[in-house]
Amino acid sequence: MKTFAALTVAGVAAFALLKMLIPLILPLFGLVLGMVLLVAKITLLVAVGFFVYSMIRKRCGRAAA
């Protein structure tokens, strides 16, 4: 019975702490997600730019030959 009481107290304390920290955690999660998506967008733009550059370079190489 002592073990269940300790687990119950720990669970209630963790739930209360979570309820207090949610206003801090959600904006941080949004900030991290926004940064990850910004990096993904920049990476995609660089990849498309490299693809276009490599296609143009191939065409110019064939025309010179």
N, C-alpha and C. Protein backbone atom coordinates (compact mmCIF):
# COMPACT_ATOMS: atom_id res chain seq x y z
N MET A 1 0.82 -1.20 0.00
CA MET A 1 0.00 0.00 0.00
C MET A 1 0.86 1.26 0.00
N LYS A 2 2.03 1.19 0.65
CA LYS A 2 2.92 2.33 0.69
C LYS A 2 3.42 2.69 -0.71
N THR A 3 3.70 1.66 -1.49
CA THR A 3 4.21 1.88 -2.84
C THR A 3 3.16 2.59 -3.70
N PHE A 4 1.93 2.16 -3.62
CA PHE A 4 0.87 2.79 -4.40
C PHE A 4 0.66 4.24 -4.00
N ALA A 5 0.79 4.54 -2.72
CA ALA A 5 0.64 5.92 -2.26
C ALA A 5 1.77 6.78 -2.83
N ALA A 6 2.99 6.26 -2.84
CA ALA A 6 4.12 7.01 -3.37
C ALA A 6 3.95 7.23 -4.87
N LEU A 7 3.49 6.21 -5.59
CA LEU A 7 3.26 6.35 -7.02
C LEU A 7 2.16 7.36 -7.31
N THR A 8 1.13 7.35 -6.51
CA THR A 8 0.03 8.29 -6.69
C THR A 8 0.49 9.72 -6.47
N VAL A 9 1.26 9.92 -5.41
CA VAL A 9 1.79 11.27 -5.12
C VAL A 9 2.71 11.73 -6.25
N ALA A 10 3.56 10.84 -6.74
CA ALA A 10 4.47 11.19 -7.83
C ALA A 10 3.68 11.51 -9.10
N GLY A 11 2.65 10.75 -9.38
CA GLY A 11 1.83 11.00 -10.56
C GLY A 11 1.10 12.32 -10.49
N VAL A 12 0.52 12.62 -9.33
CA VAL A 12 -0.20 13.89 -9.15
C VAL A 12 0.78 15.06 -9.25
N ALA A 13 1.98 14.91 -8.67
CA ALA A 13 2.98 15.98 -8.73
C ALA A 13 3.45 16.19 -10.17
N ALA A 14 3.66 15.11 -10.91
CA ALA A 14 4.09 15.23 -12.30
C ALA A 14 3.00 15.89 -13.13
N PHE A 15 1.75 15.54 -12.90
CA PHE A 15 0.63 16.14 -13.63
C PHE A 15 0.52 17.63 -13.33
N ALA A 16 0.67 18.00 -12.08
CA ALA A 16 0.60 19.42 -11.70
C ALA A 16 1.76 20.19 -12.32
N LEU A 17 2.95 19.61 -12.31
CA LEU A 17 4.11 20.26 -12.90
C LEU A 17 3.92 20.43 -14.41
N LEU A 18 3.37 19.41 -15.05
CA LEU A 18 3.11 19.48 -16.48
C LEU A 18 2.11 20.58 -16.80
N LYS A 19 1.07 20.70 -16.00
CA LYS A 19 0.07 21.73 -16.21
C LYS A 19 0.67 23.12 -16.06
N MET A 20 1.64 23.28 -15.18
CA MET A 20 2.27 24.58 -14.99
C MET A 20 3.28 24.89 -16.09
N LEU A 21 3.91 23.87 -16.67
CA LEU A 21 4.96 24.09 -17.66
C LEU A 21 4.45 24.14 -19.10
N ILE A 22 3.21 23.75 -19.34
CA ILE A 22 2.67 23.75 -20.71
C ILE A 22 2.74 25.13 -21.36
N PRO A 23 2.44 26.23 -20.65
CA PRO A 23 2.58 27.54 -21.31
C PRO A 23 4.01 27.86 -21.72
N LEU A 24 4.99 27.22 -21.13
CA LEU A 24 6.38 27.43 -21.55
C LEU A 24 6.81 26.45 -22.63
N ILE A 25 6.32 25.24 -22.56
CA ILE A 25 6.76 24.19 -23.48
C ILE A 25 6.19 24.38 -24.88
N LEU A 26 4.92 24.74 -24.99
CA LEU A 26 4.29 24.86 -26.31
C LEU A 26 4.93 25.94 -27.19
N PRO A 27 5.22 27.14 -26.69
CA PRO A 27 5.90 28.10 -27.56
C PRO A 27 7.30 27.64 -27.96
N LEU A 28 8.01 26.98 -27.07
CA LEU A 28 9.34 26.48 -27.41
C LEU A 28 9.24 25.39 -28.47
N PHE A 29 8.24 24.54 -28.36
CA PHE A 29 8.02 23.51 -29.37
C PHE A 29 7.72 24.14 -30.73
N GLY A 30 6.89 25.18 -30.73
CA GLY A 30 6.58 25.88 -31.97
C GLY A 30 7.81 26.55 -32.56
N LEU A 31 8.65 27.12 -31.71
CA LEU A 31 9.87 27.76 -32.19
C LEU A 31 10.81 26.75 -32.82
N VAL A 32 10.98 25.62 -32.17
CA VAL A 32 11.86 24.57 -32.70
C VAL A 32 11.31 24.03 -34.01
N LEU A 33 10.02 23.78 -34.06
CA LEU A 33 9.40 23.28 -35.29
C LEU A 33 9.53 24.30 -36.42
N GLY A 34 9.36 25.57 -36.11
CA GLY A 34 9.52 26.61 -37.12
C GLY A 34 10.94 26.66 -37.66
N MET A 35 11.92 26.52 -36.78
CA MET A 35 13.32 26.54 -37.23
C MET A 35 13.63 25.32 -38.10
N VAL A 36 13.13 24.17 -37.72
CA VAL A 36 13.37 22.96 -38.52
C VAL A 36 12.75 23.10 -39.90
N LEU A 37 11.54 23.63 -39.97
CA LEU A 37 10.90 23.81 -41.27
C LEU A 37 11.59 24.89 -42.10
N LEU A 38 12.13 25.92 -41.46
CA LEU A 38 12.89 26.93 -42.18
C LEU A 38 14.14 26.33 -42.80
N VAL A 39 14.85 25.50 -42.05
CA VAL A 39 16.04 24.84 -42.57
C VAL A 39 15.66 23.90 -43.72
N ALA A 40 14.54 23.19 -43.60
CA ALA A 40 14.09 22.30 -44.67
C ALA A 40 13.76 23.11 -45.93
N LYS A 41 13.13 24.27 -45.76
CA LYS A 41 12.77 25.09 -46.91
C LYS A 41 14.04 25.61 -47.61
N ILE A 42 15.00 26.08 -46.84
CA ILE A 42 16.25 26.57 -47.42
C ILE A 42 16.99 25.44 -48.13
N THR A 43 17.01 24.26 -47.51
CA THR A 43 17.66 23.11 -48.13
C THR A 43 16.99 22.75 -49.45
N LEU A 44 15.68 22.78 -49.50
CA LEU A 44 14.96 22.48 -50.73
C LEU A 44 15.27 23.50 -51.82
N LEU A 45 15.32 24.78 -51.47
CA LEU A 45 15.64 25.81 -52.45
C LEU A 45 17.06 25.65 -52.98
N VAL A 46 18.01 25.33 -52.11
CA VAL A 46 19.38 25.11 -52.56
C VAL A 46 19.47 23.89 -53.47
N ALA A 47 18.74 22.83 -53.13
CA ALA A 47 18.75 21.62 -53.96
C ALA A 47 18.16 21.90 -55.35
N VAL A 48 17.08 22.64 -55.41
CA VAL A 48 16.48 22.99 -56.71
C VAL A 48 17.42 23.87 -57.50
N GLY A 49 18.05 24.83 -56.83
CA GLY A 49 19.02 25.69 -57.51
C GLY A 49 20.20 24.90 -58.05
N PHE A 50 20.70 23.96 -57.30
CA PHE A 50 21.81 23.13 -57.76
C PHE A 50 21.38 22.28 -58.95
N PHE A 51 20.17 21.74 -58.89
CA PHE A 51 19.66 20.93 -60.00
C PHE A 51 19.56 21.76 -61.28
N VAL A 52 19.02 22.96 -61.19
CA VAL A 52 18.89 23.83 -62.35
C VAL A 52 20.28 24.21 -62.87
N TYR A 53 21.20 24.53 -61.98
CA TYR A 53 22.56 24.89 -62.39
C TYR A 53 23.24 23.72 -63.10
N SER A 54 23.07 22.52 -62.59
CA SER A 54 23.71 21.37 -63.22
C SER A 54 23.08 21.08 -64.60
N MET A 55 21.79 21.30 -64.74
CA MET A 55 21.14 21.10 -66.04
C MET A 55 21.63 22.14 -67.05
N ILE A 56 21.76 23.38 -66.63
CA ILE A 56 22.24 24.43 -67.53
C ILE A 56 23.69 24.16 -67.92
N ARG A 57 24.49 23.72 -66.97
CA ARG A 57 25.90 23.45 -67.25
C ARG A 57 26.05 22.31 -68.27
N LYS A 58 25.20 21.30 -68.16
CA LYS A 58 25.25 20.19 -69.12
C LYS A 58 24.91 20.67 -70.52
N ARG A 59 23.88 21.51 -70.64
CA ARG A 59 23.47 22.01 -71.96
C ARG A 59 24.55 22.90 -72.58
N CYS A 60 25.17 23.73 -71.78
CA CYS A 60 26.24 24.60 -72.30
C CYS A 60 27.45 23.76 -72.71
N GLY A 61 27.73 22.70 -72.02
CA GLY A 61 28.85 21.83 -72.37
C GLY A 61 28.61 21.11 -73.68
N ARG A 62 27.37 20.70 -73.92
CA ARG A 62 27.03 20.02 -75.20
C ARG A 62 27.08 21.00 -76.36
N ALA A 63 26.64 22.22 -76.15
CA ALA A 63 26.61 23.21 -77.24
C ALA A 63 28.03 23.61 -77.65
N ALA A 64 28.95 23.66 -76.70
CA ALA A 64 30.34 24.03 -77.01
C ALA A 64 31.05 22.91 -77.75
N ALA A 65 30.67 21.67 -77.47
CA ALA A 65 31.33 20.53 -78.12
C ALA A 65 30.76 20.34 -79.50
